C-alpha atoms as a PDB file:
ATOM      1  CA  MET A   1     -21.176  -4.303-107.639  1.00  0.00           C
ATOM      2  CA  GLU A   2     -24.507  -3.609-109.219  1.00  0.00           C
ATOM      3  CA  SER A   3     -26.664  -0.944-107.622  1.00  0.00           C
ATOM      4  CA  SER A   4     -30.412  -1.038-107.246  1.00  0.00           C
ATOM      5  CA  SER A   5     -32.650   1.830-108.294  1.00  0.00           C
ATOM      6  CA  VAL A   6     -35.906  -0.087-108.357  1.00  0.00           C
ATOM      7  CA  LYS A   7     -38.359  -1.388-105.819  1.00  0.00           C
ATOM      8  CA  LEU A   8     -36.966  -2.767-102.576  1.00  0.00           C
ATOM      9  CA  LYS A   9     -34.991  -5.952-103.196  1.00  0.00           C
ATOM     10  CA  TRP A  10     -34.626  -7.735 -99.897  1.00  0.00           C
ATOM     11  CA  ASN A  11     -35.237 -11.256 -98.705  1.00  0.00           C
ATOM     12  CA  GLY A  12     -37.740 -11.504 -95.934  1.00  0.00           C
ATOM     13  CA  SER A  13     -41.141 -10.267 -95.074  1.00  0.00           C
ATOM     14  CA  LEU A  14     -42.344  -7.447 -92.900  1.00  0.00           C
ATOM     15  CA  ASP A  15     -44.598  -8.098 -89.938  1.00  0.00           C
ATOM     16  CA  GLN A  16     -48.290  -7.772 -90.491  1.00  0.00           C
ATOM     17  CA  THR A  17     -48.424  -4.984 -87.900  1.00  0.00           C
ATOM     18  CA  SER A  18     -47.562  -2.204 -90.396  1.00  0.00           C
ATOM     19  CA  PRO A  19     -44.073  -1.369 -89.159  1.00  0.00           C
ATOM     20  CA  ILE A  20     -42.647   2.123 -89.624  1.00  0.00           C
ATOM     21  CA  ILE A  21     -40.074   1.943 -92.421  1.00  0.00           C
ATOM     22  CA  GLY A  22     -37.249   4.479 -92.204  1.00  0.00           C
ATOM     23  CA  VAL A  23     -34.557   5.378 -94.738  1.00  0.00           C
ATOM     24  CA  LEU A  24     -31.158   7.004 -94.347  1.00  0.00           C
ATOM     25  CA  ALA A  25     -28.687   7.747 -97.158  1.00  0.00           C
ATOM     26  CA  GLY A  26     -24.961   8.493 -97.145  1.00  0.00           C
ATOM     27  CA  ASN A  27     -21.536   7.141 -97.948  1.00  0.00           C
ATOM     28  CA  PHE A  28     -20.765   6.024 -94.374  1.00  0.00           C
ATOM     29  CA  ASP A  29     -17.009   5.893 -94.852  1.00  0.00           C
ATOM     30  CA  VAL A  30     -14.985   5.100 -91.743  1.00  0.00           C
ATOM     31  CA  ILE A  31     -17.649   4.418 -89.110  1.00  0.00           C
ATOM     32  CA  HIS A  32     -17.171   6.630 -86.042  1.00  0.00           C
ATOM     33  CA  PRO A  33     -19.131   7.350 -82.827  1.00  0.00           C
ATOM     34  CA  GLY A  34     -21.206  10.045 -84.571  1.00  0.00           C
ATOM     35  CA  TYR A  35     -22.507   7.497 -87.076  1.00  0.00           C
ATOM     36  CA  ILE A  36     -23.415   5.136 -84.247  1.00  0.00           C
ATOM     37  CA  ASP A  37     -25.368   7.961 -82.542  1.00  0.00           C
ATOM     38  CA  MET A  38     -27.137   8.634 -85.872  1.00  0.00           C
ATOM     39  CA  PHE A  39     -28.022   4.959 -86.456  1.00  0.00           C
ATOM     40  CA  ASN A  40     -29.286   4.688 -82.881  1.00  0.00           C
ATOM     41  CA  GLU A  41     -31.481   7.787 -83.174  1.00  0.00           C
ATOM     42  CA  ALA A  42     -32.873   6.668 -86.518  1.00  0.00           C
ATOM     43  CA  ALA A  43     -33.568   3.160 -85.225  1.00  0.00           C
ATOM     44  CA  ASP A  44     -35.382   4.667 -82.220  1.00  0.00           C
ATOM     45  CA  HIS A  45     -37.850   6.328 -84.642  1.00  0.00           C
ATOM     46  CA  CYS A  46     -38.688   3.410 -86.924  1.00  0.00           C
ATOM     47  CA  ASP A  47     -39.175  -0.346 -86.839  1.00  0.00           C
ATOM     48  CA  LYS A  48     -37.058  -1.161 -89.907  1.00  0.00           C
ATOM     49  CA  LEU A  49     -34.142   1.056 -90.964  1.00  0.00           C
ATOM     50  CA  PHE A  50     -33.139   0.885 -94.631  1.00  0.00           C
ATOM     51  CA  VAL A  51     -29.777   2.443 -95.533  1.00  0.00           C
ATOM     52  CA  CYS A  52     -28.925   3.711 -99.012  1.00  0.00           C
ATOM     53  CA  LEU A  53     -25.146   3.533 -99.394  1.00  0.00           C
ATOM     54  CA  HIS A  54     -23.598   6.041-101.815  1.00  0.00           C
ATOM     55  CA  GLU A  55     -20.695   4.391-103.634  1.00  0.00           C
ATOM     56  CA  ASP A  56     -18.718   7.622-104.211  1.00  0.00           C
ATOM     57  CA  PRO A  57     -20.300  11.052-103.681  1.00  0.00           C
ATOM     58  CA  SER A  58     -17.133  12.833-104.881  1.00  0.00           C
ATOM     59  CA  ILE A  59     -17.983  11.862-108.466  1.00  0.00           C
ATOM     60  CA  GLU A  60     -21.008  14.194-108.564  1.00  0.00           C
ATOM     61  CA  ARG A  61     -19.960  16.668-105.866  1.00  0.00           C
ATOM     62  CA  SER A  62     -16.366  17.905-105.770  1.00  0.00           C
ATOM     63  CA  SER A  63     -16.848  19.168-102.206  1.00  0.00           C
ATOM     64  CA  LYS A  64     -17.193  15.598-100.963  1.00  0.00           C
ATOM     65  CA  LEU A  65     -14.247  13.388-100.027  1.00  0.00           C
ATOM     66  CA  LYS A  66     -13.693  10.128-101.923  1.00  0.00           C
ATOM     67  CA  PRO A  67     -14.404   7.185 -99.608  1.00  0.00           C
ATOM     68  CA  ILE A  68     -11.336   5.408 -98.214  1.00  0.00           C
ATOM     69  CA  LEU A  69     -13.098   2.084 -97.762  1.00  0.00           C
ATOM     70  CA  SER A  70     -14.434   0.124-100.720  1.00  0.00           C
ATOM     71  CA  ILE A  71     -18.167  -0.227-101.276  1.00  0.00           C
ATOM     72  CA  GLU A  72     -17.860  -3.912-100.352  1.00  0.00           C
ATOM     73  CA  ASP A  73     -16.139  -3.110 -97.021  1.00  0.00           C
ATOM     74  CA  ARG A  74     -18.715  -0.444 -96.174  1.00  0.00           C
ATOM     75  CA  LEU A  75     -21.558  -2.873 -97.052  1.00  0.00           C
ATOM     76  CA  LYS A  76     -20.023  -5.481 -94.760  1.00  0.00           C
ATOM     77  CA  ILE A  77     -19.744  -3.030 -91.878  1.00  0.00           C
ATOM     78  CA  LEU A  78     -23.274  -1.613 -92.262  1.00  0.00           C
ATOM     79  CA  LYS A  79     -24.856  -5.051 -92.634  1.00  0.00           C
ATOM     80  CA  SER A  80     -23.254  -6.087 -89.330  1.00  0.00           C
ATOM     81  CA  LEU A  81     -24.912  -3.269 -87.339  1.00  0.00           C
ATOM     82  CA  LYS A  82     -27.986  -4.300 -85.362  1.00  0.00           C
ATOM     83  CA  GLN A  83     -29.766  -0.974 -85.990  1.00  0.00           C
ATOM     84  CA  ILE A  84     -29.830  -1.534 -89.772  1.00  0.00           C
ATOM     85  CA  TYR A  85     -32.395  -3.816 -91.379  1.00  0.00           C
ATOM     86  CA  TYR A  86     -31.275  -3.585 -95.028  1.00  0.00           C
ATOM     87  CA  VAL A  87     -28.583  -1.842 -97.082  1.00  0.00           C
ATOM     88  CA  VAL A  88     -28.784  -0.977-100.790  1.00  0.00           C
ATOM     89  CA  PRO A  89     -25.913   0.714-102.700  1.00  0.00           C
ATOM     90  CA  TYR A  90     -26.438   3.504-105.224  1.00  0.00           C
ATOM     91  CA  LYS A  91     -24.133   5.359-107.618  1.00  0.00           C
ATOM     92  CA  THR A  92     -25.862   8.656-108.411  1.00  0.00           C
ATOM     93  CA  GLU A  93     -28.269  11.106-106.822  1.00  0.00           C
ATOM     94  CA  LYS A  94     -30.685  10.319-109.638  1.00  0.00           C
ATOM     95  CA  GLU A  95     -30.576   6.668-108.633  1.00  0.00           C
ATOM     96  CA  LEU A  96     -31.215   7.591-104.994  1.00  0.00           C
ATOM     97  CA  TYR A  97     -34.151   9.764-106.074  1.00  0.00           C
ATOM     98  CA  THR A  98     -35.685   6.866-108.030  1.00  0.00           C
ATOM     99  CA  TYR A  99     -35.254   4.529-105.060  1.00  0.00           C
ATOM    100  CA  LEU A 100     -36.903   7.020-102.699  1.00  0.00           C
ATOM    101  CA  TYR A 101     -39.694   7.691-105.180  1.00  0.00           C
ATOM    102  CA  GLU A 102     -40.493   4.069-105.927  1.00  0.00           C
ATOM    103  CA  ASN A 103     -40.641   2.855-102.340  1.00  0.00           C
ATOM    104  CA  GLU A 104     -43.040   3.660 -99.538  1.00  0.00           C
ATOM    105  CA  PHE A 105     -40.902   4.955 -96.702  1.00  0.00           C
ATOM    106  CA  ASP A 106     -42.673   6.327 -93.639  1.00  0.00           C
ATOM    107  CA  VAL A 107     -39.803   8.525 -92.511  1.00  0.00           C
ATOM    108  CA  ARG A 108     -36.502   9.781 -93.901  1.00  0.00           C
ATOM    109  CA  PHE A 109     -33.569  10.636 -91.685  1.00  0.00           C
ATOM    110  CA  LEU A 110     -31.259  13.538 -92.443  1.00  0.00           C
ATOM    111  CA  GLY A 111     -28.702  15.427 -90.398  1.00  0.00           C
ATOM    112  CA  GLU A 112     -30.050  18.648 -88.902  1.00  0.00           C
ATOM    113  CA  GLU A 113     -27.649  20.620 -91.165  1.00  0.00           C
ATOM    114  CA  TYR A 114     -30.019  19.790 -94.068  1.00  0.00           C
ATOM    115  CA  LYS A 115     -32.934  21.820 -92.639  1.00  0.00           C
ATOM    116  CA  GLU A 116     -31.962  24.830 -94.780  1.00  0.00           C
ATOM    117  CA  LYS A 117     -30.194  23.006 -97.621  1.00  0.00           C
ATOM    118  CA  GLU A 118     -31.322  21.409-100.834  1.00  0.00           C
ATOM    119  CA  PHE A 119     -31.161  17.621-100.882  1.00  0.00           C
ATOM    120  CA  THR A 120     -32.148  14.789-103.181  1.00  0.00           C
ATOM    121  CA  GLY A 121     -35.834  13.974-102.741  1.00  0.00           C
ATOM    122  CA  ARG A 122     -36.813  17.164-100.922  1.00  0.00           C
ATOM    123  CA  ASP A 123     -39.895  17.347-103.158  1.00  0.00           C
ATOM    124  CA  LEU A 124     -41.068  13.818-102.273  1.00  0.00           C
ATOM    125  CA  ASP A 125     -43.814  13.303 -99.733  1.00  0.00           C
ATOM    126  CA  ILE A 126     -41.612  11.558 -97.173  1.00  0.00           C
ATOM    127  CA  PRO A 127     -41.759  12.999 -93.643  1.00  0.00           C
ATOM    128  CA  ILE A 128     -38.273  14.067 -92.441  1.00  0.00           C
ATOM    129  CA  HIS A 129     -36.800  13.431 -89.028  1.00  0.00           C
ATOM    130  CA  TYR A 130     -33.691  15.557 -88.578  1.00  0.00           C
ATOM    131  CA  ILE A 131     -30.922  13.765 -86.687  1.00  0.00           C
ATOM    132  CA  ASN A 132     -29.215  15.672 -83.864  1.00  0.00           C
ATOM    133  CA  ARG A 133     -25.591  16.428 -84.804  1.00  0.00           C
ATOM    134  CA  GLY A 134     -24.618  17.713 -81.359  1.00  0.00           C
ATOM    135  CA  HIS A 135     -22.117  14.863 -80.975  1.00  0.00           C
ATOM    136  CA  GLY A 136     -19.570  16.931 -82.962  1.00  0.00           C
ATOM    137  CA  TRP A 137     -18.303  14.050 -85.079  1.00  0.00           C
ATOM    138  CA  SER A 138     -17.767  14.105 -88.823  1.00  0.00           C
ATOM    139  CA  THR A 139     -15.915  11.788 -91.165  1.00  0.00           C
ATOM    140  CA  THR A 140     -13.712  14.675 -92.306  1.00  0.00           C
ATOM    141  CA  GLN A 141     -12.812  15.472 -88.686  1.00  0.00           C
ATOM    142  CA  PHE A 142     -12.138  11.784 -87.994  1.00  0.00           C
ATOM    143  CA  LYS A 143      -9.867  11.443 -91.027  1.00  0.00           C
ATOM    144  CA  ARG A 144      -8.045  14.629 -89.971  1.00  0.00           C
ATOM    145  CA  LYS A 145      -7.413  13.165 -86.491  1.00  0.00           C
ATOM    146  CA  ILE A 146      -6.015   9.998 -88.052  1.00  0.00           C
ATOM    147  CA  TYR A 147      -3.814  12.054 -90.403  1.00  0.00           C
ATOM    148  CA  ASP A 148      -2.516  14.222 -87.534  1.00  0.00           C
ATOM    149  CA  SER A 149      -1.726  11.132 -85.472  1.00  0.00           C
ATOM    150  CA  ILE A 150       0.190   9.461 -88.308  1.00  0.00           C
ATOM    151  CA  SER A 151       1.985  12.600 -89.463  1.00  0.00           C
ATOM    152  CA  LYS A 152       3.457  13.043 -85.942  1.00  0.00           C
ATOM    153  CA  LEU A 153       5.029   9.591 -86.253  1.00  0.00           C
ATOM    154  CA  ILE A 154       6.598  10.207 -89.677  1.00  0.00           C
ATOM    155  CA  ASN A 155       7.817  13.782 -89.111  1.00  0.00           C
END
């Protein structure tokens, strides 16, 4: 699958009423209730939510888990969600940076844990809305619950 690191490539036109365009980036592996809360909160703060889908963050950051689902499966899932207007895949943080730089997003959504962390595009002039993570969900936690459930059956 070819990734895009240039201007927005989507079919359709935006309303003439200057909608608020939001952007959210991540690998979104194994959709869980925390992701749904995040998509809902982001969608509540913009008119059109664009999602940048990281193909495999473990390639550049060893602390990240390799996605279980393929990029094609994750694209299919994200494109089916009503909160999301458009999804574009990317391979590297440099590619994400270029995408953020070249497009005119009105707001970027990040988890509140990024308030004190470095992140790709921090230097860009895109206002940040920090997403509440009080729901307590994480993909790692979700995968651990699945593992624990399965391991009880096989042990």
